[in-house]
């Protein structure tokens, strides 16, 4: 299965949050800090990251062959917000859109509703089936101020990485040629939430 980003996420940590964490009160390094937040987030987020989760709300498309979709399929990069579309390529490589009512979603699991759905005349290509969906941690907008549902441990890990990048702008120290590792606290914060490939 291959997953591509259709609509990238907005930043999950704001410039203000990062500057507050770093105790930076000027704007001279805003572009630098914004880049550090983006780099730390990209290290973790979605298909390009190594965390196995979608952090910011984004639109993803899982592409796989017909044979890969048995009785159910777990969509990668949780948390799943909603399925947007399910389509497949026919033998002429024309897109056929399936009706979403023919499928059941349970958490991140997607399964045909009953045994009636079939990939009629589906292509044998390895990317014939395409499931487009939204994933990530949305803002809870029920109150006066939107509140992010991003786990606090993930936010703290990103801020720790930004702090490391800000204070250690080179990979070696000028006094001794030793490597500066990223904080082990980051790994400990993320480990309980990390999704491993099956």
Protein backbone atom coordinates (compact mmCIF):
# COMPACT_ATOMS: atom_id res chain seq x y z
CA UNK A 1 0.00 0.00 0.00
CA UNK A 2 1.17 3.47 -0.86
CA UNK A 3 -0.22 6.58 0.83
CA UNK A 4 0.09 10.04 -0.66
CA UNK A 5 -0.75 13.42 0.84
CA UNK A 6 -3.46 15.19 -1.16
CA UNK A 7 -3.93 18.19 1.14
CA UNK A 8 -1.07 18.87 3.58
CA UNK A 9 -1.81 19.79 7.20
CA UNK A 10 -1.63 23.17 8.82
CA UNK A 11 1.08 23.51 11.52
CA UNK A 12 0.13 21.79 14.79
CA UNK A 13 2.42 24.02 16.86
CA UNK A 14 2.11 27.76 16.33
CA UNK A 15 4.98 30.22 16.08
CA UNK A 16 3.72 31.83 19.31
CA UNK A 17 3.82 28.49 21.16
CA UNK A 18 7.35 27.81 19.92
CA UNK A 19 8.57 31.31 20.84
CA UNK A 20 6.99 31.04 24.29
CA UNK A 21 8.72 27.69 24.77
CA UNK A 22 12.05 29.16 23.66
CA UNK A 23 11.48 32.37 25.66
CA UNK A 24 12.12 34.42 22.51
CA UNK A 25 10.53 37.88 22.70
CA UNK A 26 11.74 39.39 19.40
CA UNK A 27 10.69 38.71 15.81
CA UNK A 28 14.15 38.65 14.21
CA UNK A 29 14.19 34.84 14.13
CA UNK A 30 10.54 34.14 13.32
CA UNK A 31 11.36 32.58 9.95
CA UNK A 32 14.07 30.40 11.52
CA UNK A 33 11.78 29.21 14.32
CA UNK A 34 8.91 28.56 11.87
CA UNK A 35 11.29 26.41 9.82
CA UNK A 36 12.37 24.50 12.92
CA UNK A 37 8.74 23.81 13.87
CA UNK A 38 8.09 22.58 10.32
CA UNK A 39 11.20 20.35 10.37
CA UNK A 40 10.34 18.82 13.75
CA UNK A 41 6.73 18.21 12.69
CA UNK A 42 7.72 16.69 9.32
CA UNK A 43 10.00 14.27 11.14
CA UNK A 44 6.88 12.80 12.79
CA UNK A 45 3.80 13.59 10.70
CA UNK A 46 1.97 11.42 8.20
CA UNK A 47 3.45 9.35 5.38
CA UNK A 48 6.72 11.31 5.37
CA UNK A 49 7.26 10.99 9.11
CA UNK A 50 8.37 8.12 11.30
CA UNK A 51 5.64 8.33 13.96
CA UNK A 52 2.95 6.42 12.06
CA UNK A 53 0.25 9.02 12.73
CA UNK A 54 -1.27 12.02 11.01
CA UNK A 55 -0.80 14.96 13.35
CA UNK A 56 -2.36 17.93 11.60
CA UNK A 57 -5.63 17.42 9.74
CA UNK A 58 -4.78 16.35 6.20
CA UNK A 59 -6.29 14.57 3.24
CA UNK A 60 -4.57 11.29 2.40
CA UNK A 61 -5.08 8.75 -0.35
CA UNK A 62 -4.26 5.08 0.19
CA UNK A 63 -3.52 3.25 -3.07
CA UNK A 64 -3.30 -0.51 -3.36
CA UNK A 65 -4.22 -3.47 -5.53
CA UNK A 66 -7.62 -5.16 -5.52
CA UNK A 67 -6.13 -8.31 -4.00
CA UNK A 68 -4.94 -6.37 -0.92
CA UNK A 69 -8.50 -5.56 0.10
CA UNK A 70 -9.93 -8.71 1.65
CA UNK A 71 -12.64 -8.62 4.27
CA UNK A 72 -11.28 -5.45 5.89
CA UNK A 73 -8.46 -2.97 5.62
CA UNK A 74 -6.82 -0.84 8.29
CA UNK A 75 -6.15 2.63 6.94
CA UNK A 76 -2.72 3.92 7.98
CA UNK A 77 -1.87 7.17 9.74
CA UNK A 78 -4.61 7.46 12.35
CA UNK A 79 -6.67 9.02 13.71
CA UNK A 80 -9.20 8.65 10.90
CA UNK A 81 -11.68 11.53 10.70
CA UNK A 82 -13.76 10.54 7.68
CA UNK A 83 -13.73 8.65 4.41
CA UNK A 84 -14.09 11.07 1.49
CA UNK A 85 -14.21 8.68 -1.46
CA UNK A 86 -13.50 5.14 -2.54
CA UNK A 87 -12.68 4.47 -6.17
CA UNK A 88 -10.91 1.95 -8.32
CA UNK A 89 -9.56 1.67 -11.83
CA UNK A 90 -11.34 -0.67 -14.21
CA UNK A 91 -9.48 -2.79 -16.75
CA UNK A 92 -9.38 0.23 -19.11
CA UNK A 93 -7.84 2.35 -16.31
CA UNK A 94 -11.02 4.43 -16.06
CA UNK A 95 -11.97 5.55 -12.56
CA UNK A 96 -15.08 3.97 -11.05
CA UNK A 97 -16.39 5.60 -7.88
CA UNK A 98 -17.87 3.28 -5.29
CA UNK A 99 -20.83 4.25 -3.13
CA UNK A 100 -19.73 4.91 0.46
CA UNK A 101 -22.88 3.20 1.78
CA UNK A 102 -21.40 -0.08 0.52
CA UNK A 103 -18.70 0.17 3.22
CA UNK A 104 -18.53 0.12 7.00
CA UNK A 105 -15.99 2.16 8.94
CA UNK A 106 -15.06 1.00 12.43
CA UNK A 107 -12.25 3.11 13.90
CA UNK A 108 -9.54 2.93 11.23
CA UNK A 109 -10.94 -0.34 9.78
CA UNK A 110 -12.78 -0.22 6.46
CA UNK A 111 -14.80 -3.20 5.26
CA UNK A 112 -17.42 -3.90 2.59
CA UNK A 113 -20.94 -3.84 4.03
CA UNK A 114 -21.92 -7.46 3.50
CA UNK A 115 -20.63 -9.61 0.70
CA UNK A 116 -22.36 -7.73 -2.12
CA UNK A 117 -19.54 -5.36 -3.06
CA UNK A 118 -17.11 -6.51 -5.73
CA UNK A 119 -14.43 -4.71 -7.68
CA UNK A 120 -16.22 -5.36 -10.96
CA UNK A 121 -13.69 -5.64 -13.76
CA UNK A 122 -11.01 -4.02 -11.65
CA UNK A 123 -7.55 -3.28 -12.96
CA UNK A 124 -4.68 -5.52 -11.96
CA UNK A 125 -2.47 -2.50 -11.24
CA UNK A 126 -0.89 -2.34 -7.80
CA UNK A 127 -2.52 1.07 -7.21
CA UNK A 128 -5.97 0.31 -8.64
CA UNK A 129 -7.96 0.94 -5.45
CA UNK A 130 -7.87 4.47 -4.03
CA UNK A 131 -9.34 5.45 -0.71
CA UNK A 132 -9.27 9.16 0.01
CA UNK A 133 -9.73 10.15 3.64
CA UNK A 134 -9.12 12.86 6.20
CA UNK A 135 -6.92 12.04 9.17
CA UNK A 136 -5.25 13.90 12.01
CA UNK A 137 -6.11 15.63 15.25
CA UNK A 138 -8.75 18.31 14.58
CA UNK A 139 -9.40 21.39 16.66
CA UNK A 140 -12.37 21.04 18.97
CA UNK A 141 -14.46 24.05 18.02
CA UNK A 142 -17.35 23.51 20.44
CA UNK A 143 -16.13 26.24 22.80
CA UNK A 144 -15.44 29.93 22.26
CA UNK A 145 -11.77 29.21 21.44
CA UNK A 146 -10.73 26.23 19.28
CA UNK A 147 -8.78 23.67 21.31
CA UNK A 148 -6.48 21.21 19.57
CA UNK A 149 -7.04 17.51 20.23
CA UNK A 150 -3.35 16.81 19.53
CA UNK A 151 -2.03 14.77 22.48
CA UNK A 152 -0.04 16.90 24.91
CA UNK A 153 2.89 14.47 24.70
CA UNK A 154 3.20 15.03 20.94
CA UNK A 155 3.04 18.82 21.32
CA UNK A 156 5.67 18.66 24.07
CA UNK A 157 7.92 16.43 21.92
CA UNK A 158 7.75 18.87 18.99
CA UNK A 159 8.58 21.78 21.29
CA UNK A 160 11.52 19.84 22.79
CA UNK A 161 12.84 19.12 19.29
CA UNK A 162 12.48 22.80 18.36
CA UNK A 163 14.37 23.71 21.55
CA UNK A 164 17.16 21.28 20.66
CA UNK A 165 17.38 22.69 17.12
CA UNK A 166 17.37 26.27 18.38
CA UNK A 167 20.11 25.77 20.98
CA UNK A 168 22.24 23.37 18.93
CA UNK A 169 22.41 24.89 15.47
CA UNK A 170 25.25 22.64 14.41
CA UNK A 171 25.66 18.88 14.67
CA UNK A 172 29.02 19.11 16.43
CA UNK A 173 30.33 21.40 19.13
CA UNK A 174 33.27 23.67 18.26
CA UNK A 175 35.23 22.67 21.39
CA UNK A 176 34.95 18.91 21.01
CA UNK A 177 33.94 17.05 17.88
CA UNK A 178 31.11 15.08 19.45
CA UNK A 179 27.69 14.46 18.02
CA UNK A 180 24.71 16.06 19.78
CA UNK A 181 21.80 13.58 19.92
CA UNK A 182 18.18 14.60 20.08
CA UNK A 183 16.56 14.41 23.49
CA UNK A 184 15.68 10.94 24.76
CA UNK A 185 12.69 12.60 26.41
CA UNK A 186 11.21 13.07 22.93
CA UNK A 187 11.34 9.31 22.32
CA UNK A 188 9.81 8.59 25.71
CA UNK A 189 6.96 11.06 25.11
CA UNK A 190 6.15 9.61 21.69
CA UNK A 191 6.62 5.89 22.31
CA UNK A 192 3.17 5.13 23.81
CA UNK A 193 1.44 6.73 20.79
CA UNK A 194 3.74 5.50 18.02
CA UNK A 195 2.09 3.33 15.34
CA UNK A 196 4.27 0.56 13.98
CA UNK A 197 3.75 -0.88 10.50
CA UNK A 198 2.14 -4.28 10.47
